PDBML (XML) file of the C-alpha atoms, coordinates in Angstrom:
<?xml version="1.0" encoding="UTF-8" ?>
<PDBx:datablock datablockName="MODEL"
   xmlns:PDBx="http://pdbml.pdb.org/schema/pdbx-v50.xsd"
   xmlns:xsi="http://www.w3.org/2001/XMLSchema-instance"
   xsi:schemaLocation="http://pdbml.pdb.org/schema/pdbx-v50.xsd pdbx-v50.xsd">
   <PDBx:atom_siteCategory>
      <PDBx:atom_site id="1">
         <PDBx:B_iso_or_equiv>0.00</PDBx:B_iso_or_equiv>
         <PDBx:Cartn_x>26.460</PDBx:Cartn_x>
         <PDBx:Cartn_y>-5.333</PDBx:Cartn_y>
         <PDBx:Cartn_z>-9.958</PDBx:Cartn_z>
         <PDBx:auth_asym_id>A</PDBx:auth_asym_id>
         <PDBx:auth_atom_id>CA</PDBx:auth_atom_id>
         <PDBx:auth_comp_id>SER</PDBx:auth_comp_id>
         <PDBx:auth_seq_id>1</PDBx:auth_seq_id>
         <PDBx:group_PDB>ATOM</PDBx:group_PDB>
         <PDBx:label_alt_id xsi:nil="true" />
         <PDBx:label_asym_id>A</PDBx:label_asym_id>
         <PDBx:label_atom_id>CA</PDBx:label_atom_id>
         <PDBx:label_comp_id>SER</PDBx:label_comp_id>
         <PDBx:label_entity_id>1</PDBx:label_entity_id>
         <PDBx:label_seq_id>1</PDBx:label_seq_id>
         <PDBx:occupancy>1.00</PDBx:occupancy>
         <PDBx:pdbx_PDB_model_num>1</PDBx:pdbx_PDB_model_num>
         <PDBx:type_symbol>C</PDBx:type_symbol>
      </PDBx:atom_site>
      <PDBx:atom_site id="2">
         <PDBx:B_iso_or_equiv>0.00</PDBx:B_iso_or_equiv>
         <PDBx:Cartn_x>22.885</PDBx:Cartn_x>
         <PDBx:Cartn_y>-5.204</PDBx:Cartn_y>
         <PDBx:Cartn_z>-11.138</PDBx:Cartn_z>
         <PDBx:auth_asym_id>A</PDBx:auth_asym_id>
         <PDBx:auth_atom_id>CA</PDBx:auth_atom_id>
         <PDBx:auth_comp_id>ALA</PDBx:auth_comp_id>
         <PDBx:auth_seq_id>2</PDBx:auth_seq_id>
         <PDBx:group_PDB>ATOM</PDBx:group_PDB>
         <PDBx:label_alt_id xsi:nil="true" />
         <PDBx:label_asym_id>A</PDBx:label_asym_id>
         <PDBx:label_atom_id>CA</PDBx:label_atom_id>
         <PDBx:label_comp_id>ALA</PDBx:label_comp_id>
         <PDBx:label_entity_id>1</PDBx:label_entity_id>
         <PDBx:label_seq_id>2</PDBx:label_seq_id>
         <PDBx:occupancy>1.00</PDBx:occupancy>
         <PDBx:pdbx_PDB_model_num>1</PDBx:pdbx_PDB_model_num>
         <PDBx:type_symbol>C</PDBx:type_symbol>
      </PDBx:atom_site>
      <PDBx:atom_site id="3">
         <PDBx:B_iso_or_equiv>0.00</PDBx:B_iso_or_equiv>
         <PDBx:Cartn_x>20.824</PDBx:Cartn_x>
         <PDBx:Cartn_y>-2.735</PDBx:Cartn_y>
         <PDBx:Cartn_z>-9.166</PDBx:Cartn_z>
         <PDBx:auth_asym_id>A</PDBx:auth_asym_id>
         <PDBx:auth_atom_id>CA</PDBx:auth_atom_id>
         <PDBx:auth_comp_id>GLN</PDBx:auth_comp_id>
         <PDBx:auth_seq_id>3</PDBx:auth_seq_id>
         <PDBx:group_PDB>ATOM</PDBx:group_PDB>
         <PDBx:label_alt_id xsi:nil="true" />
         <PDBx:label_asym_id>A</PDBx:label_asym_id>
         <PDBx:label_atom_id>CA</PDBx:label_atom_id>
         <PDBx:label_comp_id>GLN</PDBx:label_comp_id>
         <PDBx:label_entity_id>1</PDBx:label_entity_id>
         <PDBx:label_seq_id>3</PDBx:label_seq_id>
         <PDBx:occupancy>1.00</PDBx:occupancy>
         <PDBx:pdbx_PDB_model_num>1</PDBx:pdbx_PDB_model_num>
         <PDBx:type_symbol>C</PDBx:type_symbol>
      </PDBx:atom_site>
      <PDBx:atom_site id="4">
         <PDBx:B_iso_or_equiv>0.00</PDBx:B_iso_or_equiv>
         <PDBx:Cartn_x>17.113</PDBx:Cartn_x>
         <PDBx:Cartn_y>-3.030</PDBx:Cartn_y>
         <PDBx:Cartn_z>-8.754</PDBx:Cartn_z>
         <PDBx:auth_asym_id>A</PDBx:auth_asym_id>
         <PDBx:auth_atom_id>CA</PDBx:auth_atom_id>
         <PDBx:auth_comp_id>ALA</PDBx:auth_comp_id>
         <PDBx:auth_seq_id>4</PDBx:auth_seq_id>
         <PDBx:group_PDB>ATOM</PDBx:group_PDB>
         <PDBx:label_alt_id xsi:nil="true" />
         <PDBx:label_asym_id>A</PDBx:label_asym_id>
         <PDBx:label_atom_id>CA</PDBx:label_atom_id>
         <PDBx:label_comp_id>ALA</PDBx:label_comp_id>
         <PDBx:label_entity_id>1</PDBx:label_entity_id>
         <PDBx:label_seq_id>4</PDBx:label_seq_id>
         <PDBx:occupancy>1.00</PDBx:occupancy>
         <PDBx:pdbx_PDB_model_num>1</PDBx:pdbx_PDB_model_num>
         <PDBx:type_symbol>C</PDBx:type_symbol>
      </PDBx:atom_site>
      <PDBx:atom_site id="5">
         <PDBx:B_iso_or_equiv>0.00</PDBx:B_iso_or_equiv>
         <PDBx:Cartn_x>14.864</PDBx:Cartn_x>
         <PDBx:Cartn_y>-0.152</PDBx:Cartn_y>
         <PDBx:Cartn_z>-9.786</PDBx:Cartn_z>
         <PDBx:auth_asym_id>A</PDBx:auth_asym_id>
         <PDBx:auth_atom_id>CA</PDBx:auth_atom_id>
         <PDBx:auth_comp_id>ASP</PDBx:auth_comp_id>
         <PDBx:auth_seq_id>5</PDBx:auth_seq_id>
         <PDBx:group_PDB>ATOM</PDBx:group_PDB>
         <PDBx:label_alt_id xsi:nil="true" />
         <PDBx:label_asym_id>A</PDBx:label_asym_id>
         <PDBx:label_atom_id>CA</PDBx:label_atom_id>
         <PDBx:label_comp_id>ASP</PDBx:label_comp_id>
         <PDBx:label_entity_id>1</PDBx:label_entity_id>
         <PDBx:label_seq_id>5</PDBx:label_seq_id>
         <PDBx:occupancy>1.00</PDBx:occupancy>
         <PDBx:pdbx_PDB_model_num>1</PDBx:pdbx_PDB_model_num>
         <PDBx:type_symbol>C</PDBx:type_symbol>
      </PDBx:atom_site>
      <PDBx:atom_site id="6">
         <PDBx:B_iso_or_equiv>0.00</PDBx:B_iso_or_equiv>
         <PDBx:Cartn_x>13.318</PDBx:Cartn_x>
         <PDBx:Cartn_y>1.434</PDBx:Cartn_y>
         <PDBx:Cartn_z>-6.691</PDBx:Cartn_z>
         <PDBx:auth_asym_id>A</PDBx:auth_asym_id>
         <PDBx:auth_atom_id>CA</PDBx:auth_atom_id>
         <PDBx:auth_comp_id>PHE</PDBx:auth_comp_id>
         <PDBx:auth_seq_id>6</PDBx:auth_seq_id>
         <PDBx:group_PDB>ATOM</PDBx:group_PDB>
         <PDBx:label_alt_id xsi:nil="true" />
         <PDBx:label_asym_id>A</PDBx:label_asym_id>
         <PDBx:label_atom_id>CA</PDBx:label_atom_id>
         <PDBx:label_comp_id>PHE</PDBx:label_comp_id>
         <PDBx:label_entity_id>1</PDBx:label_entity_id>
         <PDBx:label_seq_id>6</PDBx:label_seq_id>
         <PDBx:occupancy>1.00</PDBx:occupancy>
         <PDBx:pdbx_PDB_model_num>1</PDBx:pdbx_PDB_model_num>
         <PDBx:type_symbol>C</PDBx:type_symbol>
      </PDBx:atom_site>
      <PDBx:atom_site id="7">
         <PDBx:B_iso_or_equiv>0.00</PDBx:B_iso_or_equiv>
         <PDBx:Cartn_x>12.151</PDBx:Cartn_x>
         <PDBx:Cartn_y>4.661</PDBx:Cartn_y>
         <PDBx:Cartn_z>-8.358</PDBx:Cartn_z>
         <PDBx:auth_asym_id>A</PDBx:auth_asym_id>
         <PDBx:auth_atom_id>CA</PDBx:auth_atom_id>
         <PDBx:auth_comp_id>ALA</PDBx:auth_comp_id>
         <PDBx:auth_seq_id>7</PDBx:auth_seq_id>
         <PDBx:group_PDB>ATOM</PDBx:group_PDB>
         <PDBx:label_alt_id xsi:nil="true" />
         <PDBx:label_asym_id>A</PDBx:label_asym_id>
         <PDBx:label_atom_id>CA</PDBx:label_atom_id>
         <PDBx:label_comp_id>ALA</PDBx:label_comp_id>
         <PDBx:label_entity_id>1</PDBx:label_entity_id>
         <PDBx:label_seq_id>7</PDBx:label_seq_id>
         <PDBx:occupancy>1.00</PDBx:occupancy>
         <PDBx:pdbx_PDB_model_num>1</PDBx:pdbx_PDB_model_num>
         <PDBx:type_symbol>C</PDBx:type_symbol>
      </PDBx:atom_site>
      <PDBx:atom_site id="8">
         <PDBx:B_iso_or_equiv>0.00</PDBx:B_iso_or_equiv>
         <PDBx:Cartn_x>8.430</PDBx:Cartn_x>
         <PDBx:Cartn_y>5.332</PDBx:Cartn_y>
         <PDBx:Cartn_z>-8.356</PDBx:Cartn_z>
         <PDBx:auth_asym_id>A</PDBx:auth_asym_id>
         <PDBx:auth_atom_id>CA</PDBx:auth_atom_id>
         <PDBx:auth_comp_id>GLY</PDBx:auth_comp_id>
         <PDBx:auth_seq_id>8</PDBx:auth_seq_id>
         <PDBx:group_PDB>ATOM</PDBx:group_PDB>
         <PDBx:label_alt_id xsi:nil="true" />
         <PDBx:label_asym_id>A</PDBx:label_asym_id>
         <PDBx:label_atom_id>CA</PDBx:label_atom_id>
         <PDBx:label_comp_id>GLY</PDBx:label_comp_id>
         <PDBx:label_entity_id>1</PDBx:label_entity_id>
         <PDBx:label_seq_id>8</PDBx:label_seq_id>
         <PDBx:occupancy>1.00</PDBx:occupancy>
         <PDBx:pdbx_PDB_model_num>1</PDBx:pdbx_PDB_model_num>
         <PDBx:type_symbol>C</PDBx:type_symbol>
      </PDBx:atom_site>
      <PDBx:atom_site id="9">
         <PDBx:B_iso_or_equiv>0.00</PDBx:B_iso_or_equiv>
         <PDBx:Cartn_x>5.468</PDBx:Cartn_x>
         <PDBx:Cartn_y>5.279</PDBx:Cartn_y>
         <PDBx:Cartn_z>-6.037</PDBx:Cartn_z>
         <PDBx:auth_asym_id>A</PDBx:auth_asym_id>
         <PDBx:auth_atom_id>CA</PDBx:auth_atom_id>
         <PDBx:auth_comp_id>THR</PDBx:auth_comp_id>
         <PDBx:auth_seq_id>9</PDBx:auth_seq_id>
         <PDBx:group_PDB>ATOM</PDBx:group_PDB>
         <PDBx:label_alt_id xsi:nil="true" />
         <PDBx:label_asym_id>A</PDBx:label_asym_id>
         <PDBx:label_atom_id>CA</PDBx:label_atom_id>
         <PDBx:label_comp_id>THR</PDBx:label_comp_id>
         <PDBx:label_entity_id>1</PDBx:label_entity_id>
         <PDBx:label_seq_id>9</PDBx:label_seq_id>
         <PDBx:occupancy>1.00</PDBx:occupancy>
         <PDBx:pdbx_PDB_model_num>1</PDBx:pdbx_PDB_model_num>
         <PDBx:type_symbol>C</PDBx:type_symbol>
      </PDBx:atom_site>
      <PDBx:atom_site id="10">
         <PDBx:B_iso_or_equiv>0.00</PDBx:B_iso_or_equiv>
         <PDBx:Cartn_x>4.792</PDBx:Cartn_x>
         <PDBx:Cartn_y>2.246</PDBx:Cartn_y>
         <PDBx:Cartn_z>-3.839</PDBx:Cartn_z>
         <PDBx:auth_asym_id>A</PDBx:auth_asym_id>
         <PDBx:auth_atom_id>CA</PDBx:auth_atom_id>
         <PDBx:auth_comp_id>TRP</PDBx:auth_comp_id>
         <PDBx:auth_seq_id>10</PDBx:auth_seq_id>
         <PDBx:group_PDB>ATOM</PDBx:group_PDB>
         <PDBx:label_alt_id xsi:nil="true" />
         <PDBx:label_asym_id>A</PDBx:label_asym_id>
         <PDBx:label_atom_id>CA</PDBx:label_atom_id>
         <PDBx:label_comp_id>TRP</PDBx:label_comp_id>
         <PDBx:label_entity_id>1</PDBx:label_entity_id>
         <PDBx:label_seq_id>10</PDBx:label_seq_id>
         <PDBx:occupancy>1.00</PDBx:occupancy>
         <PDBx:pdbx_PDB_model_num>1</PDBx:pdbx_PDB_model_num>
         <PDBx:type_symbol>C</PDBx:type_symbol>
      </PDBx:atom_site>
      <PDBx:atom_site id="11">
         <PDBx:B_iso_or_equiv>0.00</PDBx:B_iso_or_equiv>
         <PDBx:Cartn_x>1.782</PDBx:Cartn_x>
         <PDBx:Cartn_y>1.731</PDBx:Cartn_y>
         <PDBx:Cartn_z>-1.574</PDBx:Cartn_z>
         <PDBx:auth_asym_id>A</PDBx:auth_asym_id>
         <PDBx:auth_atom_id>CA</PDBx:auth_atom_id>
         <PDBx:auth_comp_id>SER</PDBx:auth_comp_id>
         <PDBx:auth_seq_id>11</PDBx:auth_seq_id>
         <PDBx:group_PDB>ATOM</PDBx:group_PDB>
         <PDBx:label_alt_id xsi:nil="true" />
         <PDBx:label_asym_id>A</PDBx:label_asym_id>
         <PDBx:label_atom_id>CA</PDBx:label_atom_id>
         <PDBx:label_comp_id>SER</PDBx:label_comp_id>
         <PDBx:label_entity_id>1</PDBx:label_entity_id>
         <PDBx:label_seq_id>11</PDBx:label_seq_id>
         <PDBx:occupancy>1.00</PDBx:occupancy>
         <PDBx:pdbx_PDB_model_num>1</PDBx:pdbx_PDB_model_num>
         <PDBx:type_symbol>C</PDBx:type_symbol>
      </PDBx:atom_site>
      <PDBx:atom_site id="12">
         <PDBx:B_iso_or_equiv>0.00</PDBx:B_iso_or_equiv>
         <PDBx:Cartn_x>-0.261</PDBx:Cartn_x>
         <PDBx:Cartn_y>-0.529</PDBx:Cartn_y>
         <PDBx:Cartn_z>0.641</PDBx:Cartn_z>
         <PDBx:auth_asym_id>A</PDBx:auth_asym_id>
         <PDBx:auth_atom_id>CA</PDBx:auth_atom_id>
         <PDBx:auth_comp_id>VAL</PDBx:auth_comp_id>
         <PDBx:auth_seq_id>12</PDBx:auth_seq_id>
         <PDBx:group_PDB>ATOM</PDBx:group_PDB>
         <PDBx:label_alt_id xsi:nil="true" />
         <PDBx:label_asym_id>A</PDBx:label_asym_id>
         <PDBx:label_atom_id>CA</PDBx:label_atom_id>
         <PDBx:label_comp_id>VAL</PDBx:label_comp_id>
         <PDBx:label_entity_id>1</PDBx:label_entity_id>
         <PDBx:label_seq_id>12</PDBx:label_seq_id>
         <PDBx:occupancy>1.00</PDBx:occupancy>
         <PDBx:pdbx_PDB_model_num>1</PDBx:pdbx_PDB_model_num>
         <PDBx:type_symbol>C</PDBx:type_symbol>
      </PDBx:atom_site>
      <PDBx:atom_site id="13">
         <PDBx:B_iso_or_equiv>0.00</PDBx:B_iso_or_equiv>
         <PDBx:Cartn_x>-3.884</PDBx:Cartn_x>
         <PDBx:Cartn_y>-0.045</PDBx:Cartn_y>
         <PDBx:Cartn_z>1.667</PDBx:Cartn_z>
         <PDBx:auth_asym_id>A</PDBx:auth_asym_id>
         <PDBx:auth_atom_id>CA</PDBx:auth_atom_id>
         <PDBx:auth_comp_id>GLU</PDBx:auth_comp_id>
         <PDBx:auth_seq_id>13</PDBx:auth_seq_id>
         <PDBx:group_PDB>ATOM</PDBx:group_PDB>
         <PDBx:label_alt_id xsi:nil="true" />
         <PDBx:label_asym_id>A</PDBx:label_asym_id>
         <PDBx:label_atom_id>CA</PDBx:label_atom_id>
         <PDBx:label_comp_id>GLU</PDBx:label_comp_id>
         <PDBx:label_entity_id>1</PDBx:label_entity_id>
         <PDBx:label_seq_id>13</PDBx:label_seq_id>
         <PDBx:occupancy>1.00</PDBx:occupancy>
         <PDBx:pdbx_PDB_model_num>1</PDBx:pdbx_PDB_model_num>
         <PDBx:type_symbol>C</PDBx:type_symbol>
      </PDBx:atom_site>
      <PDBx:atom_site id="14">
         <PDBx:B_iso_or_equiv>0.00</PDBx:B_iso_or_equiv>
         <PDBx:Cartn_x>-5.138</PDBx:Cartn_x>
         <PDBx:Cartn_y>-0.625</PDBx:Cartn_y>
         <PDBx:Cartn_z>5.228</PDBx:Cartn_z>
         <PDBx:auth_asym_id>A</PDBx:auth_asym_id>
         <PDBx:auth_atom_id>CA</PDBx:auth_atom_id>
         <PDBx:auth_comp_id>TRP</PDBx:auth_comp_id>
         <PDBx:auth_seq_id>14</PDBx:auth_seq_id>
         <PDBx:group_PDB>ATOM</PDBx:group_PDB>
         <PDBx:label_alt_id xsi:nil="true" />
         <PDBx:label_asym_id>A</PDBx:label_asym_id>
         <PDBx:label_atom_id>CA</PDBx:label_atom_id>
         <PDBx:label_comp_id>TRP</PDBx:label_comp_id>
         <PDBx:label_entity_id>1</PDBx:label_entity_id>
         <PDBx:label_seq_id>14</PDBx:label_seq_id>
         <PDBx:occupancy>1.00</PDBx:occupancy>
         <PDBx:pdbx_PDB_model_num>1</PDBx:pdbx_PDB_model_num>
         <PDBx:type_symbol>C</PDBx:type_symbol>
      </PDBx:atom_site>
      <PDBx:atom_site id="15">
         <PDBx:B_iso_or_equiv>0.00</PDBx:B_iso_or_equiv>
         <PDBx:Cartn_x>-8.875</PDBx:Cartn_x>
         <PDBx:Cartn_y>-1.279</PDBx:Cartn_y>
         <PDBx:Cartn_z>5.576</PDBx:Cartn_z>
         <PDBx:auth_asym_id>A</PDBx:auth_asym_id>
         <PDBx:auth_atom_id>CA</PDBx:auth_atom_id>
         <PDBx:auth_comp_id>CYS</PDBx:auth_comp_id>
         <PDBx:auth_seq_id>15</PDBx:auth_seq_id>
         <PDBx:group_PDB>ATOM</PDBx:group_PDB>
         <PDBx:label_alt_id xsi:nil="true" />
         <PDBx:label_asym_id>A</PDBx:label_asym_id>
         <PDBx:label_atom_id>CA</PDBx:label_atom_id>
         <PDBx:label_comp_id>CYS</PDBx:label_comp_id>
         <PDBx:label_entity_id>1</PDBx:label_entity_id>
         <PDBx:label_seq_id>15</PDBx:label_seq_id>
         <PDBx:occupancy>1.00</PDBx:occupancy>
         <PDBx:pdbx_PDB_model_num>1</PDBx:pdbx_PDB_model_num>
         <PDBx:type_symbol>C</PDBx:type_symbol>
      </PDBx:atom_site>
      <PDBx:atom_site id="16">
         <PDBx:B_iso_or_equiv>0.00</PDBx:B_iso_or_equiv>
         <PDBx:Cartn_x>-11.003</PDBx:Cartn_x>
         <PDBx:Cartn_y>-2.331</PDBx:Cartn_y>
         <PDBx:Cartn_z>8.538</PDBx:Cartn_z>
         <PDBx:auth_asym_id>A</PDBx:auth_asym_id>
         <PDBx:auth_atom_id>CA</PDBx:auth_atom_id>
         <PDBx:auth_comp_id>SER</PDBx:auth_comp_id>
         <PDBx:auth_seq_id>16</PDBx:auth_seq_id>
         <PDBx:group_PDB>ATOM</PDBx:group_PDB>
         <PDBx:label_alt_id xsi:nil="true" />
         <PDBx:label_asym_id>A</PDBx:label_asym_id>
         <PDBx:label_atom_id>CA</PDBx:label_atom_id>
         <PDBx:label_comp_id>SER</PDBx:label_comp_id>
         <PDBx:label_entity_id>1</PDBx:label_entity_id>
         <PDBx:label_seq_id>16</PDBx:label_seq_id>
         <PDBx:occupancy>1.00</PDBx:occupancy>
         <PDBx:pdbx_PDB_model_num>1</PDBx:pdbx_PDB_model_num>
         <PDBx:type_symbol>C</PDBx:type_symbol>
      </PDBx:atom_site>
      <PDBx:atom_site id="17">
         <PDBx:B_iso_or_equiv>0.00</PDBx:B_iso_or_equiv>
         <PDBx:Cartn_x>-12.160</PDBx:Cartn_x>
         <PDBx:Cartn_y>-5.945</PDBx:Cartn_y>
         <PDBx:Cartn_z>8.356</PDBx:Cartn_z>
         <PDBx:auth_asym_id>A</PDBx:auth_asym_id>
         <PDBx:auth_atom_id>CA</PDBx:auth_atom_id>
         <PDBx:auth_comp_id>LYS</PDBx:auth_comp_id>
         <PDBx:auth_seq_id>17</PDBx:auth_seq_id>
         <PDBx:group_PDB>ATOM</PDBx:group_PDB>
         <PDBx:label_alt_id xsi:nil="true" />
         <PDBx:label_asym_id>A</PDBx:label_asym_id>
         <PDBx:label_atom_id>CA</PDBx:label_atom_id>
         <PDBx:label_comp_id>LYS</PDBx:label_comp_id>
         <PDBx:label_entity_id>1</PDBx:label_entity_id>
         <PDBx:label_seq_id>17</PDBx:label_seq_id>
         <PDBx:occupancy>1.00</PDBx:occupancy>
         <PDBx:pdbx_PDB_model_num>1</PDBx:pdbx_PDB_model_num>
         <PDBx:type_symbol>C</PDBx:type_symbol>
      </PDBx:atom_site>
      <PDBx:atom_site id="18">
         <PDBx:B_iso_or_equiv>0.00</PDBx:B_iso_or_equiv>
         <PDBx:Cartn_x>-14.646</PDBx:Cartn_x>
         <PDBx:Cartn_y>-5.301</PDBx:Cartn_y>
         <PDBx:Cartn_z>11.169</PDBx:Cartn_z>
         <PDBx:auth_asym_id>A</PDBx:auth_asym_id>
         <PDBx:auth_atom_id>CA</PDBx:auth_atom_id>
         <PDBx:auth_comp_id>ASN</PDBx:auth_comp_id>
         <PDBx:auth_seq_id>18</PDBx:auth_seq_id>
         <PDBx:group_PDB>ATOM</PDBx:group_PDB>
         <PDBx:label_alt_id xsi:nil="true" />
         <PDBx:label_asym_id>A</PDBx:label_asym_id>
         <PDBx:label_atom_id>CA</PDBx:label_atom_id>
         <PDBx:label_comp_id>ASN</PDBx:label_comp_id>
         <PDBx:label_entity_id>1</PDBx:label_entity_id>
         <PDBx:label_seq_id>18</PDBx:label_seq_id>
         <PDBx:occupancy>1.00</PDBx:occupancy>
         <PDBx:pdbx_PDB_model_num>1</PDBx:pdbx_PDB_model_num>
         <PDBx:type_symbol>C</PDBx:type_symbol>
      </PDBx:atom_site>
      <PDBx:atom_site id="19">
         <PDBx:B_iso_or_equiv>0.00</PDBx:B_iso_or_equiv>
         <PDBx:Cartn_x>-16.158</PDBx:Cartn_x>
         <PDBx:Cartn_y>-2.196</PDBx:Cartn_y>
         <PDBx:Cartn_z>9.619</PDBx:Cartn_z>
         <PDBx:auth_asym_id>A</PDBx:auth_asym_id>
         <PDBx:auth_atom_id>CA</PDBx:auth_atom_id>
         <PDBx:auth_comp_id>ASN</PDBx:auth_comp_id>
         <PDBx:auth_seq_id>19</PDBx:auth_seq_id>
         <PDBx:group_PDB>ATOM</PDBx:group_PDB>
         <PDBx:label_alt_id xsi:nil="true" />
         <PDBx:label_asym_id>A</PDBx:label_asym_id>
         <PDBx:label_atom_id>CA</PDBx:label_atom_id>
         <PDBx:label_comp_id>ASN</PDBx:label_comp_id>
         <PDBx:label_entity_id>1</PDBx:label_entity_id>
         <PDBx:label_seq_id>19</PDBx:label_seq_id>
         <PDBx:occupancy>1.00</PDBx:occupancy>
         <PDBx:pdbx_PDB_model_num>1</PDBx:pdbx_PDB_model_num>
         <PDBx:type_symbol>C</PDBx:type_symbol>
      </PDBx:atom_site>
      <PDBx:atom_site id="20">
         <PDBx:B_iso_or_equiv>0.00</PDBx:B_iso_or_equiv>
         <PDBx:Cartn_x>-15.697</PDBx:Cartn_x>
         <PDBx:Cartn_y>-2.098</PDBx:Cartn_y>
         <PDBx:Cartn_z>5.831</PDBx:Cartn_z>
         <PDBx:auth_asym_id>A</PDBx:auth_asym_id>
         <PDBx:auth_atom_id>CA</PDBx:auth_atom_id>
         <PDBx:auth_comp_id>PRO</PDBx:auth_comp_id>
         <PDBx:auth_seq_id>20</PDBx:auth_seq_id>
         <PDBx:group_PDB>ATOM</PDBx:group_PDB>
         <PDBx:label_alt_id xsi:nil="true" />
         <PDBx:label_asym_id>A</PDBx:label_asym_id>
         <PDBx:label_atom_id>CA</PDBx:label_atom_id>
         <PDBx:label_comp_id>PRO</PDBx:label_comp_id>
         <PDBx:label_entity_id>1</PDBx:label_entity_id>
         <PDBx:label_seq_id>20</PDBx:label_seq_id>
         <PDBx:occupancy>1.00</PDBx:occupancy>
         <PDBx:pdbx_PDB_model_num>1</PDBx:pdbx_PDB_model_num>
         <PDBx:type_symbol>C</PDBx:type_symbol>
      </PDBx:atom_site>
      <PDBx:atom_site id="21">
         <PDBx:B_iso_or_equiv>0.00</PDBx:B_iso_or_equiv>
         <PDBx:Cartn_x>-17.744</PDBx:Cartn_x>
         <PDBx:Cartn_y>1.139</PDBx:Cartn_y>
         <PDBx:Cartn_z>5.633</PDBx:Cartn_z>
         <PDBx:auth_asym_id>A</PDBx:auth_asym_id>
         <PDBx:auth_atom_id>CA</PDBx:auth_atom_id>
         <PDBx:auth_comp_id>ASN</PDBx:auth_comp_id>
         <PDBx:auth_seq_id>21</PDBx:auth_seq_id>
         <PDBx:group_PDB>ATOM</PDBx:group_PDB>
         <PDBx:label_alt_id xsi:nil="true" />
         <PDBx:label_asym_id>A</PDBx:label_asym_id>
         <PDBx:label_atom_id>CA</PDBx:label_atom_id>
         <PDBx:label_comp_id>ASN</PDBx:label_comp_id>
         <PDBx:label_entity_id>1</PDBx:label_entity_id>
         <PDBx:label_seq_id>21</PDBx:label_seq_id>
         <PDBx:occupancy>1.00</PDBx:occupancy>
         <PDBx:pdbx_PDB_model_num>1</PDBx:pdbx_PDB_model_num>
         <PDBx:type_symbol>C</PDBx:type_symbol>
      </PDBx:atom_site>
      <PDBx:atom_site id="22">
         <PDBx:B_iso_or_equiv>0.00</PDBx:B_iso_or_equiv>
         <PDBx:Cartn_x>-14.838</PDBx:Cartn_x>
         <PDBx:Cartn_y>3.095</PDBx:Cartn_y>
         <PDBx:Cartn_z>7.132</PDBx:Cartn_z>
         <PDBx:auth_asym_id>A</PDBx:auth_asym_id>
         <PDBx:auth_atom_id>CA</PDBx:auth_atom_id>
         <PDBx:auth_comp_id>LEU</PDBx:auth_comp_id>
         <PDBx:auth_seq_id>22</PDBx:auth_seq_id>
         <PDBx:group_PDB>ATOM</PDBx:group_PDB>
         <PDBx:label_alt_id xsi:nil="true" />
         <PDBx:label_asym_id>A</PDBx:label_asym_id>
         <PDBx:label_atom_id>CA</PDBx:label_atom_id>
         <PDBx:label_comp_id>LEU</PDBx:label_comp_id>
         <PDBx:label_entity_id>1</PDBx:label_entity_id>
         <PDBx:label_seq_id>22</PDBx:label_seq_id>
         <PDBx:occupancy>1.00</PDBx:occupancy>
         <PDBx:pdbx_PDB_model_num>1</PDBx:pdbx_PDB_model_num>
         <PDBx:type_symbol>C</PDBx:type_symbol>
      </PDBx:atom_site>
      <PDBx:atom_site id="23">
         <PDBx:B_iso_or_equiv>0.00</PDBx:B_iso_or_equiv>
         <PDBx:Cartn_x>-12.436</PDBx:Cartn_x>
         <PDBx:Cartn_y>4.857</PDBx:Cartn_y>
         <PDBx:Cartn_z>4.778</PDBx:Cartn_z>
         <PDBx:auth_asym_id>A</PDBx:auth_asym_id>
         <PDBx:auth_atom_id>CA</PDBx:auth_atom_id>
         <PDBx:auth_comp_id>ASP</PDBx:auth_comp_id>
         <PDBx:auth_seq_id>23</PDBx:auth_seq_id>
         <PDBx:group_PDB>ATOM</PDBx:group_PDB>
         <PDBx:label_alt_id xsi:nil="true" />
         <PDBx:label_asym_id>A</PDBx:label_asym_id>
         <PDBx:label_atom_id>CA</PDBx:label_atom_id>
         <PDBx:label_comp_id>ASP</PDBx:label_comp_id>
         <PDBx:label_entity_id>1</PDBx:label_entity_id>
         <PDBx:label_seq_id>23</PDBx:label_seq_id>
         <PDBx:occupancy>1.00</PDBx:occupancy>
         <PDBx:pdbx_PDB_model_num>1</PDBx:pdbx_PDB_model_num>
         <PDBx:type_symbol>C</PDBx:type_symbol>
      </PDBx:atom_site>
      <PDBx:atom_site id="24">
         <PDBx:B_iso_or_equiv>0.00</PDBx:B_iso_or_equiv>
         <PDBx:Cartn_x>-9.289</PDBx:Cartn_x>
         <PDBx:Cartn_y>2.851</PDBx:Cartn_y>
         <PDBx:Cartn_z>4.183</PDBx:Cartn_z>
         <PDBx:auth_asym_id>A</PDBx:auth_asym_id>
         <PDBx:auth_atom_id>CA</PDBx:auth_atom_id>
         <PDBx:auth_comp_id>CYS</PDBx:auth_comp_id>
         <PDBx:auth_seq_id>24</PDBx:auth_seq_id>
         <PDBx:group_PDB>ATOM</PDBx:group_PDB>
         <PDBx:label_alt_id xsi:nil="true" />
         <PDBx:label_asym_id>A</PDBx:label_asym_id>
         <PDBx:label_atom_id>CA</PDBx:label_atom_id>
         <PDBx:label_comp_id>CYS</PDBx:label_comp_id>
         <PDBx:label_entity_id>1</PDBx:label_entity_id>
         <PDBx:label_seq_id>24</PDBx:label_seq_id>
         <PDBx:occupancy>1.00</PDBx:occupancy>
         <PDBx:pdbx_PDB_model_num>1</PDBx:pdbx_PDB_model_num>
         <PDBx:type_symbol>C</PDBx:type_symbol>
      </PDBx:atom_site>
      <PDBx:atom_site id="25">
         <PDBx:B_iso_or_equiv>0.00</PDBx:B_iso_or_equiv>
         <PDBx:Cartn_x>-5.959</PDBx:Cartn_x>
         <PDBx:Cartn_y>4.177</PDBx:Cartn_y>
         <PDBx:Cartn_z>5.308</PDBx:Cartn_z>
         <PDBx:auth_asym_id>A</PDBx:auth_asym_id>
         <PDBx:auth_atom_id>CA</PDBx:auth_atom_id>
         <PDBx:auth_comp_id>GLY</PDBx:auth_comp_id>
         <PDBx:auth_seq_id>25</PDBx:auth_seq_id>
         <PDBx:group_PDB>ATOM</PDBx:group_PDB>
         <PDBx:label_alt_id xsi:nil="true" />
         <PDBx:label_asym_id>A</PDBx:label_asym_id>
         <PDBx:label_atom_id>CA</PDBx:label_atom_id>
         <PDBx:label_comp_id>GLY</PDBx:label_comp_id>
         <PDBx:label_entity_id>1</PDBx:label_entity_id>
         <PDBx:label_seq_id>25</PDBx:label_seq_id>
         <PDBx:occupancy>1.00</PDBx:occupancy>
         <PDBx:pdbx_PDB_model_num>1</PDBx:pdbx_PDB_model_num>
         <PDBx:type_symbol>C</PDBx:type_symbol>
      </PDBx:atom_site>
   </PDBx:atom_siteCategory>
</PDBx:datablock>
């Protein structure tokens, strides 16, 4: 069975829509 490659670094950025001057998480 073919396995997907999950190795590596994966991310999502969370930013404030109401206050874009804040640092994103």
